Amino acid sequence: MDQLIKHRSRLLCIGFGVMYFWFGALKFFPGLSPAEALAKATLDKLTLGLIPSTISYTMLAMWEVTIGIFMLLNMPKRWIIYITILHLLFTFTPLFLLPEAAFGQPIYSLTLVGQYIIKNVALLAALLFLLQRKEPGNP
């Protein structure tokens, strides 16, 4: 148990790294990501349709893969954690921009998409844990 406690930050980084790298990499191959339609619809709303979805979706894939690589290489500097927090905050936007995708009937019930989004609350908590840990060389 002591080893688990000792390495909990590293284990969290590995978990985030695998998840972000995998989910991001799938986005480079049309039709492979189960979140593709949701992500593209959300990005279209966020960019007011001014950026073609192929470009914004590719940028999202690069963002996610970059986060994954940094986490897997044990490079979770404060800025990569902040960038990951920003990404996760954007994952909540379909709740407001595409409520029909996130909520069922009655309105307080969640669809599978809604549950997929709400679970990110736990991921945010884990990132806040990583953010508060001291890195070597930082006070």
N, C-alpha and C. Protein backbone atom coordinates (compact mmCIF):
# COMPACT_ATOMS: atom_id res chain seq x y z
N MET A 1 0.82 -1.19 0.00
CA MET A 1 0.00 0.00 0.00
C MET A 1 0.86 1.26 0.00
N ASP A 2 1.99 1.21 0.70
CA ASP A 2 2.88 2.37 0.72
C ASP A 2 3.39 2.69 -0.68
N GLN A 3 3.68 1.64 -1.48
CA GLN A 3 4.15 1.86 -2.85
C GLN A 3 3.07 2.53 -3.69
N LEU A 4 1.82 2.11 -3.48
CA LEU A 4 0.71 2.71 -4.20
C LEU A 4 0.59 4.19 -3.86
N ILE A 5 0.68 4.50 -2.59
CA ILE A 5 0.61 5.90 -2.17
C ILE A 5 1.79 6.69 -2.74
N LYS A 6 2.96 6.07 -2.69
CA LYS A 6 4.17 6.73 -3.19
C LYS A 6 4.07 7.06 -4.67
N HIS A 7 3.43 6.20 -5.44
CA HIS A 7 3.39 6.35 -6.89
C HIS A 7 2.02 6.79 -7.43
N ARG A 8 1.15 7.26 -6.57
CA ARG A 8 -0.21 7.59 -7.02
C ARG A 8 -0.23 8.69 -8.08
N SER A 9 0.63 9.69 -7.96
CA SER A 9 0.66 10.75 -8.98
C SER A 9 1.10 10.19 -10.32
N ARG A 10 2.10 9.33 -10.30
CA ARG A 10 2.59 8.73 -11.54
C ARG A 10 1.52 7.85 -12.18
N LEU A 11 0.81 7.09 -11.33
CA LEU A 11 -0.26 6.24 -11.85
C LEU A 11 -1.37 7.07 -12.48
N LEU A 12 -1.71 8.19 -11.86
CA LEU A 12 -2.72 9.09 -12.44
C LEU A 12 -2.25 9.61 -13.80
N CYS A 13 -0.98 10.00 -13.87
CA CYS A 13 -0.44 10.50 -15.14
C CYS A 13 -0.47 9.44 -16.22
N ILE A 14 -0.15 8.21 -15.86
CA ILE A 14 -0.21 7.12 -16.84
C ILE A 14 -1.65 6.93 -17.32
N GLY A 15 -2.58 6.93 -16.37
CA GLY A 15 -3.99 6.79 -16.74
C GLY A 15 -4.46 7.90 -17.67
N PHE A 16 -4.13 9.13 -17.33
CA PHE A 16 -4.48 10.25 -18.20
C PHE A 16 -3.78 10.13 -19.55
N GLY A 17 -2.52 9.73 -19.52
CA GLY A 17 -1.75 9.62 -20.75
C GLY A 17 -2.34 8.61 -21.71
N VAL A 18 -2.66 7.44 -21.20
CA VAL A 18 -3.25 6.39 -22.05
C VAL A 18 -4.58 6.87 -22.61
N MET A 19 -5.42 7.42 -21.75
CA MET A 19 -6.75 7.86 -22.17
C MET A 19 -6.66 8.95 -23.24
N TYR A 20 -5.88 9.98 -22.96
CA TYR A 20 -5.81 11.10 -23.90
C TYR A 20 -5.13 10.70 -25.21
N PHE A 21 -4.05 9.93 -25.13
CA PHE A 21 -3.38 9.52 -26.36
C PHE A 21 -4.31 8.66 -27.21
N TRP A 22 -4.97 7.69 -26.60
CA TRP A 22 -5.85 6.78 -27.32
C TRP A 22 -7.04 7.52 -27.93
N PHE A 23 -7.74 8.30 -27.09
CA PHE A 23 -8.91 9.02 -27.59
C PHE A 23 -8.53 10.01 -28.68
N GLY A 24 -7.40 10.69 -28.51
CA GLY A 24 -6.95 11.64 -29.51
C GLY A 24 -6.53 10.96 -30.80
N ALA A 25 -5.78 9.85 -30.69
CA ALA A 25 -5.31 9.14 -31.88
C ALA A 25 -6.48 8.63 -32.72
N LEU A 26 -7.54 8.17 -32.08
CA LEU A 26 -8.71 7.69 -32.83
C LEU A 26 -9.29 8.79 -33.71
N LYS A 27 -9.17 10.03 -33.27
CA LYS A 27 -9.75 11.14 -34.02
C LYS A 27 -9.04 11.39 -35.34
N PHE A 28 -7.82 10.89 -35.51
CA PHE A 28 -7.11 11.06 -36.77
C PHE A 28 -7.63 10.14 -37.87
N PHE A 29 -8.48 9.19 -37.50
CA PHE A 29 -9.01 8.22 -38.46
C PHE A 29 -10.53 8.36 -38.52
N PRO A 30 -11.05 8.95 -39.59
CA PRO A 30 -12.49 9.21 -39.69
C PRO A 30 -13.33 7.97 -39.38
N GLY A 31 -14.33 8.17 -38.53
CA GLY A 31 -15.27 7.12 -38.20
C GLY A 31 -14.85 6.21 -37.07
N LEU A 32 -13.63 6.33 -36.55
CA LEU A 32 -13.18 5.43 -35.49
C LEU A 32 -13.58 5.90 -34.09
N SER A 33 -13.60 7.20 -33.87
CA SER A 33 -13.92 7.70 -32.53
C SER A 33 -15.43 7.70 -32.31
N PRO A 34 -15.90 7.08 -31.22
CA PRO A 34 -17.34 7.11 -30.96
C PRO A 34 -17.82 8.51 -30.58
N ALA A 35 -16.90 9.42 -30.28
CA ALA A 35 -17.27 10.78 -29.90
C ALA A 35 -17.19 11.74 -31.09
N GLU A 36 -16.92 11.23 -32.29
CA GLU A 36 -16.70 12.11 -33.45
C GLU A 36 -17.87 13.03 -33.74
N ALA A 37 -19.06 12.50 -33.85
CA ALA A 37 -20.22 13.33 -34.18
C ALA A 37 -20.47 14.37 -33.10
N LEU A 38 -20.39 13.97 -31.84
CA LEU A 38 -20.59 14.90 -30.74
C LEU A 38 -19.53 15.99 -30.75
N ALA A 39 -18.27 15.60 -30.93
CA ALA A 39 -17.18 16.58 -30.92
C ALA A 39 -17.32 17.56 -32.07
N LYS A 40 -17.62 17.06 -33.26
CA LYS A 40 -17.76 17.94 -34.42
C LYS A 40 -18.94 18.89 -34.26
N ALA A 41 -20.05 18.39 -33.77
CA ALA A 41 -21.22 19.26 -33.56
C ALA A 41 -20.91 20.33 -32.52
N THR A 42 -20.22 19.94 -31.46
CA THR A 42 -19.85 20.90 -30.41
C THR A 42 -18.87 21.93 -30.95
N LEU A 43 -17.85 21.47 -31.67
CA LEU A 43 -16.86 22.39 -32.24
C LEU A 43 -17.50 23.35 -33.22
N ASP A 44 -18.45 22.87 -34.02
CA ASP A 44 -19.15 23.76 -34.95
C ASP A 44 -19.88 24.87 -34.20
N LYS A 45 -20.51 24.51 -33.08
CA LYS A 45 -21.22 25.52 -32.29
C LYS A 45 -20.24 26.47 -31.61
N LEU A 46 -19.17 25.93 -31.05
CA LEU A 46 -18.18 26.76 -30.35
C LEU A 46 -17.49 27.75 -31.29
N THR A 47 -17.23 27.32 -32.53
CA THR A 47 -16.54 28.20 -33.48
C THR A 47 -17.51 28.97 -34.36
N LEU A 48 -18.80 28.84 -34.07
CA LEU A 48 -19.86 29.49 -34.85
C LEU A 48 -19.78 29.11 -36.34
N GLY A 49 -19.23 27.93 -36.59
CA GLY A 49 -19.12 27.44 -37.95
C GLY A 49 -18.05 28.15 -38.78
N LEU A 50 -17.26 29.00 -38.15
CA LEU A 50 -16.23 29.75 -38.88
C LEU A 50 -15.00 28.93 -39.21
N ILE A 51 -14.76 27.87 -38.44
CA ILE A 51 -13.63 26.97 -38.71
C ILE A 51 -14.21 25.65 -39.18
N PRO A 52 -13.81 25.18 -40.34
CA PRO A 52 -14.33 23.89 -40.82
C PRO A 52 -14.10 22.78 -39.79
N SER A 53 -15.08 21.91 -39.65
CA SER A 53 -14.99 20.87 -38.61
C SER A 53 -13.79 19.95 -38.83
N THR A 54 -13.37 19.75 -40.07
CA THR A 54 -12.19 18.90 -40.29
C THR A 54 -10.95 19.52 -39.66
N ILE A 55 -10.84 20.84 -39.70
CA ILE A 55 -9.69 21.52 -39.11
C ILE A 55 -9.80 21.53 -37.59
N SER A 56 -10.95 21.94 -37.07
CA SER A 56 -11.10 22.01 -35.60
C SER A 56 -11.00 20.63 -34.97
N TYR A 57 -11.52 19.62 -35.65
CA TYR A 57 -11.47 18.26 -35.12
C TYR A 57 -10.03 17.72 -35.12
N THR A 58 -9.27 18.05 -36.15
CA THR A 58 -7.86 17.66 -36.20
C THR A 58 -7.08 18.37 -35.11
N MET A 59 -7.38 19.64 -34.88
CA MET A 59 -6.72 20.38 -33.81
C MET A 59 -7.04 19.77 -32.45
N LEU A 60 -8.28 19.34 -32.27
CA LEU A 60 -8.67 18.67 -31.03
C LEU A 60 -7.88 17.37 -30.87
N ALA A 61 -7.75 16.61 -31.94
CA ALA A 61 -6.98 15.37 -31.89
C ALA A 61 -5.54 15.65 -31.49
N MET A 62 -4.94 16.68 -32.07
CA MET A 62 -3.55 17.03 -31.75
C MET A 62 -3.44 17.47 -30.29
N TRP A 63 -4.40 18.22 -29.81
CA TRP A 63 -4.43 18.68 -28.42
C TRP A 63 -4.45 17.46 -27.49
N GLU A 64 -5.33 16.52 -27.76
CA GLU A 64 -5.48 15.35 -26.90
C GLU A 64 -4.23 14.46 -26.95
N VAL A 65 -3.68 14.23 -28.13
CA VAL A 65 -2.49 13.40 -28.25
C VAL A 65 -1.31 14.06 -27.54
N THR A 66 -1.18 15.36 -27.66
CA THR A 66 -0.10 16.08 -26.97
C THR A 66 -0.21 15.92 -25.46
N ILE A 67 -1.41 16.08 -24.94
CA ILE A 67 -1.62 15.87 -23.49
C ILE A 67 -1.21 14.45 -23.13
N GLY A 68 -1.65 13.48 -23.92
CA GLY A 68 -1.32 12.08 -23.65
C GLY A 68 0.17 11.83 -23.63
N ILE A 69 0.87 12.35 -24.60
CA ILE A 69 2.33 12.14 -24.67
C ILE A 69 3.01 12.75 -23.45
N PHE A 70 2.66 13.99 -23.12
CA PHE A 70 3.29 14.63 -21.97
C PHE A 70 3.02 13.87 -20.68
N MET A 71 1.81 13.38 -20.52
CA MET A 71 1.49 12.62 -19.31
C MET A 71 2.23 11.28 -19.29
N LEU A 72 2.27 10.59 -20.41
CA LEU A 72 2.95 9.30 -20.47
C LEU A 72 4.45 9.43 -20.24
N LEU A 73 5.03 10.53 -20.69
CA LEU A 73 6.46 10.76 -20.50
C LEU A 73 6.78 11.37 -19.13
N ASN A 74 5.76 11.40 -18.27
CA ASN A 74 5.94 11.91 -16.91
C ASN A 74 6.41 13.36 -16.92
N MET A 75 5.81 14.13 -17.78
CA MET A 75 6.15 15.55 -17.89
C MET A 75 4.96 16.43 -17.52
N PRO A 76 4.24 16.09 -16.45
CA PRO A 76 3.04 16.86 -16.13
C PRO A 76 3.37 18.18 -15.42
N LYS A 77 4.04 19.07 -16.13
CA LYS A 77 4.30 20.39 -15.58
C LYS A 77 2.96 21.09 -15.39
N ARG A 78 2.98 22.12 -14.61
CA ARG A 78 1.75 22.84 -14.31
C ARG A 78 0.98 23.24 -15.57
N TRP A 79 1.70 23.66 -16.59
CA TRP A 79 1.01 24.15 -17.79
C TRP A 79 0.25 23.04 -18.50
N ILE A 80 0.78 21.81 -18.54
CA ILE A 80 0.06 20.73 -19.21
C ILE A 80 -1.18 20.34 -18.39
N ILE A 81 -1.08 20.46 -17.07
CA ILE A 81 -2.25 20.19 -16.23
C ILE A 81 -3.32 21.26 -16.47
N TYR A 82 -2.89 22.52 -16.57
CA TYR A 82 -3.85 23.59 -16.87
C TYR A 82 -4.50 23.40 -18.24
N ILE A 83 -3.71 22.99 -19.22
CA ILE A 83 -4.25 22.74 -20.56
C ILE A 83 -5.25 21.58 -20.53
N THR A 84 -4.94 20.57 -19.73
CA THR A 84 -5.86 19.43 -19.60
C THR A 84 -7.14 19.85 -18.89
N ILE A 85 -7.02 20.68 -17.86
CA ILE A 85 -8.21 21.20 -17.17
C ILE A 85 -9.06 22.00 -18.15
N LEU A 86 -8.42 22.84 -18.95
CA LEU A 86 -9.16 23.62 -19.95
C LEU A 86 -9.89 22.69 -20.92
N HIS A 87 -9.21 21.65 -21.38
CA HIS A 87 -9.86 20.68 -22.27
C HIS A 87 -11.09 20.08 -21.60
N LEU A 88 -10.92 19.65 -20.35
CA LEU A 88 -12.05 19.02 -19.65
C LEU A 88 -13.20 19.99 -19.46
N LEU A 89 -12.90 21.25 -19.20
CA LEU A 89 -13.98 22.23 -19.06
C LEU A 89 -14.76 22.36 -20.36
N PHE A 90 -14.06 22.30 -21.49
CA PHE A 90 -14.75 22.34 -22.78
C PHE A 90 -15.61 21.10 -23.00
N THR A 91 -15.27 19.97 -22.36
CA THR A 91 -16.09 18.77 -22.56
C THR A 91 -17.48 18.92 -21.96
N PHE A 92 -17.67 19.91 -21.10
CA PHE A 92 -18.99 20.14 -20.51
C PHE A 92 -19.89 20.98 -21.41
N THR A 93 -19.34 21.60 -22.45
CA THR A 93 -20.15 22.49 -23.28
C THR A 93 -21.33 21.81 -23.99
N PRO A 94 -21.25 20.53 -24.36
CA PRO A 94 -22.44 19.93 -24.98
C PRO A 94 -23.67 19.93 -24.05
N LEU A 95 -23.44 19.97 -22.74
CA LEU A 95 -24.58 20.03 -21.82
C LEU A 95 -25.42 21.28 -22.09
N PHE A 96 -24.75 22.36 -22.55
CA PHE A 96 -25.43 23.62 -22.79
C PHE A 96 -25.71 23.86 -24.28
N LEU A 97 -24.78 23.43 -25.12
CA LEU A 97 -24.92 23.68 -26.55
C LEU A 97 -25.75 22.62 -27.26
N LEU A 98 -25.72 21.39 -26.75
CA LEU A 98 -26.46 20.27 -27.35
C LEU A 98 -27.20 19.49 -26.27
N PRO A 99 -28.08 20.15 -25.53
CA PRO A 99 -28.74 19.46 -24.41
C PRO A 99 -29.53 18.23 -24.82
N GLU A 100 -30.02 18.22 -26.06
CA GLU A 100 -30.79 17.05 -26.52
C GLU A 100 -29.91 15.80 -26.61
N ALA A 101 -28.61 15.97 -26.73
CA ALA A 101 -27.70 14.83 -26.79
C ALA A 101 -27.34 14.34 -25.39
N ALA A 102 -27.44 15.21 -24.39
CA ALA A 102 -26.98 14.87 -23.04
C ALA A 102 -28.09 14.48 -22.07
N PHE A 103 -29.29 14.99 -22.31
CA PHE A 103 -30.38 14.77 -21.37
C PHE A 103 -31.51 13.98 -22.01
N GLY A 104 -32.11 13.11 -21.21
CA GLY A 104 -33.24 12.32 -21.68
C GLY A 104 -34.53 12.90 -21.15
N GLN A 105 -35.52 12.04 -21.07
CA GLN A 105 -36.81 12.42 -20.49
C GLN A 105 -37.01 11.61 -19.24
N PRO A 106 -37.25 12.14 -18.11
CA PRO A 106 -37.35 13.57 -17.80
C PRO A 106 -36.00 14.26 -17.92
N ILE A 107 -36.00 15.59 -17.89
CA ILE A 107 -34.82 16.39 -18.19
C ILE A 107 -33.64 16.11 -17.25
N TYR A 108 -33.90 15.67 -16.04
CA TYR A 108 -32.80 15.41 -15.10
C TYR A 108 -32.14 14.04 -15.32
N SER A 109 -32.67 13.25 -16.24
CA SER A 109 -32.00 11.98 -16.56
C SER A 109 -30.93 12.25 -17.63
N LEU A 110 -29.93 11.41 -17.65
CA LEU A 110 -28.83 11.59 -18.59
C LEU A 110 -28.84 10.50 -19.64
N THR A 111 -28.48 10.87 -20.84
CA THR A 111 -28.24 9.88 -21.88
C THR A 111 -26.84 9.31 -21.65
N LEU A 112 -26.44 8.35 -22.47
CA LEU A 112 -25.08 7.82 -22.37
C LEU A 112 -24.06 8.94 -22.61
N VAL A 113 -24.35 9.84 -23.54
CA VAL A 113 -23.48 10.99 -23.79
C VAL A 113 -23.38 11.86 -22.55
N GLY A 114 -24.51 12.11 -21.91
CA GLY A 114 -24.53 12.91 -20.69
C GLY A 114 -23.70 12.28 -19.59
N GLN A 115 -23.81 10.97 -19.44
CA GLN A 115 -23.00 10.27 -18.43
C GLN A 115 -21.52 10.35 -18.78
N TYR A 116 -21.21 10.23 -20.06
CA TYR A 116 -19.83 10.32 -20.54
C TYR A 116 -19.23 11.69 -20.18
N ILE A 117 -20.06 12.72 -20.25
CA ILE A 117 -19.60 14.07 -19.92
C ILE A 117 -19.48 14.26 -18.41
N ILE A 118 -20.50 13.87 -17.66
CA ILE A 118 -20.52 14.10 -16.22
C ILE A 118 -19.40 13.37 -15.49
N LYS A 119 -18.95 12.23 -16.00
CA LYS A 119 -17.85 11.52 -15.35
C LYS A 119 -16.58 12.35 -15.34
N ASN A 120 -16.53 13.37 -16.16
CA ASN A 120 -15.34 14.23 -16.20
C ASN A 120 -15.16 15.05 -14.92
N VAL A 121 -16.19 15.10 -14.09
CA VAL A 121 -16.05 15.75 -12.78
C VAL A 121 -14.96 15.02 -11.98
N ALA A 122 -14.97 13.70 -12.03
CA ALA A 122 -13.95 12.91 -11.31
C ALA A 122 -12.56 13.16 -11.91
N LEU A 123 -12.49 13.27 -13.24
CA LEU A 123 -11.20 13.54 -13.87
C LEU A 123 -10.68 14.92 -13.47
N LEU A 124 -11.57 15.89 -13.37
CA LEU A 124 -11.15 17.23 -12.91
C LEU A 124 -10.59 17.16 -11.50
N ALA A 125 -11.23 16.40 -10.64
CA ALA A 125 -10.74 16.26 -9.27
C ALA A 125 -9.34 15.64 -9.26
N ALA A 126 -9.11 14.66 -10.10
CA ALA A 126 -7.78 14.03 -10.18
C ALA A 126 -6.74 15.03 -10.68
N LEU A 127 -7.11 15.87 -11.64
CA LEU A 127 -6.17 16.89 -12.13
C LEU A 127 -5.86 17.91 -11.05
N LEU A 128 -6.85 18.27 -10.26
CA LEU A 128 -6.60 19.21 -9.16
C LEU A 128 -5.65 18.59 -8.14
N PHE A 129 -5.76 17.29 -7.93
CA PHE A 129 -4.81 16.59 -7.06
C PHE A 129 -3.39 16.70 -7.64
N LEU A 130 -3.25 16.44 -8.94
CA LEU A 130 -1.94 16.53 -9.58
C LEU A 130 -1.39 17.96 -9.53
N LEU A 131 -2.27 18.91 -9.65
CA LEU A 131 -1.86 20.31 -9.65
C LEU A 131 -1.28 20.74 -8.32
N GLN A 132 -1.82 20.21 -7.25
CA GLN A 132 -1.35 20.62 -5.92
C GLN A 132 -0.08 19.92 -5.48
N ARG A 133 0.31 18.86 -6.17
CA ARG A 133 1.53 18.15 -5.77
C ARG A 133 2.75 18.99 -6.14
N LYS A 134 3.79 18.86 -5.33
CA LYS A 134 5.02 19.60 -5.59
C LYS A 134 5.88 18.84 -6.57
N GLU A 135 6.40 19.56 -7.54
CA GLU A 135 7.31 18.95 -8.51
C GLU A 135 8.75 19.20 -8.05
N PRO A 136 9.65 18.30 -8.40
CA PRO A 136 11.06 18.52 -8.04
C PRO A 136 11.55 19.84 -8.61
N GLY A 137 12.21 20.61 -7.77
CA GLY A 137 12.76 21.89 -8.19
C GLY A 137 11.81 23.05 -8.05
N ASN A 138 10.54 22.78 -7.73
CA ASN A 138 9.56 23.85 -7.51
C ASN A 138 9.22 23.93 -6.03
N PRO A 139 9.10 25.15 -5.51
CA PRO A 139 8.74 25.28 -4.09
C PRO A 139 7.31 24.89 -3.82
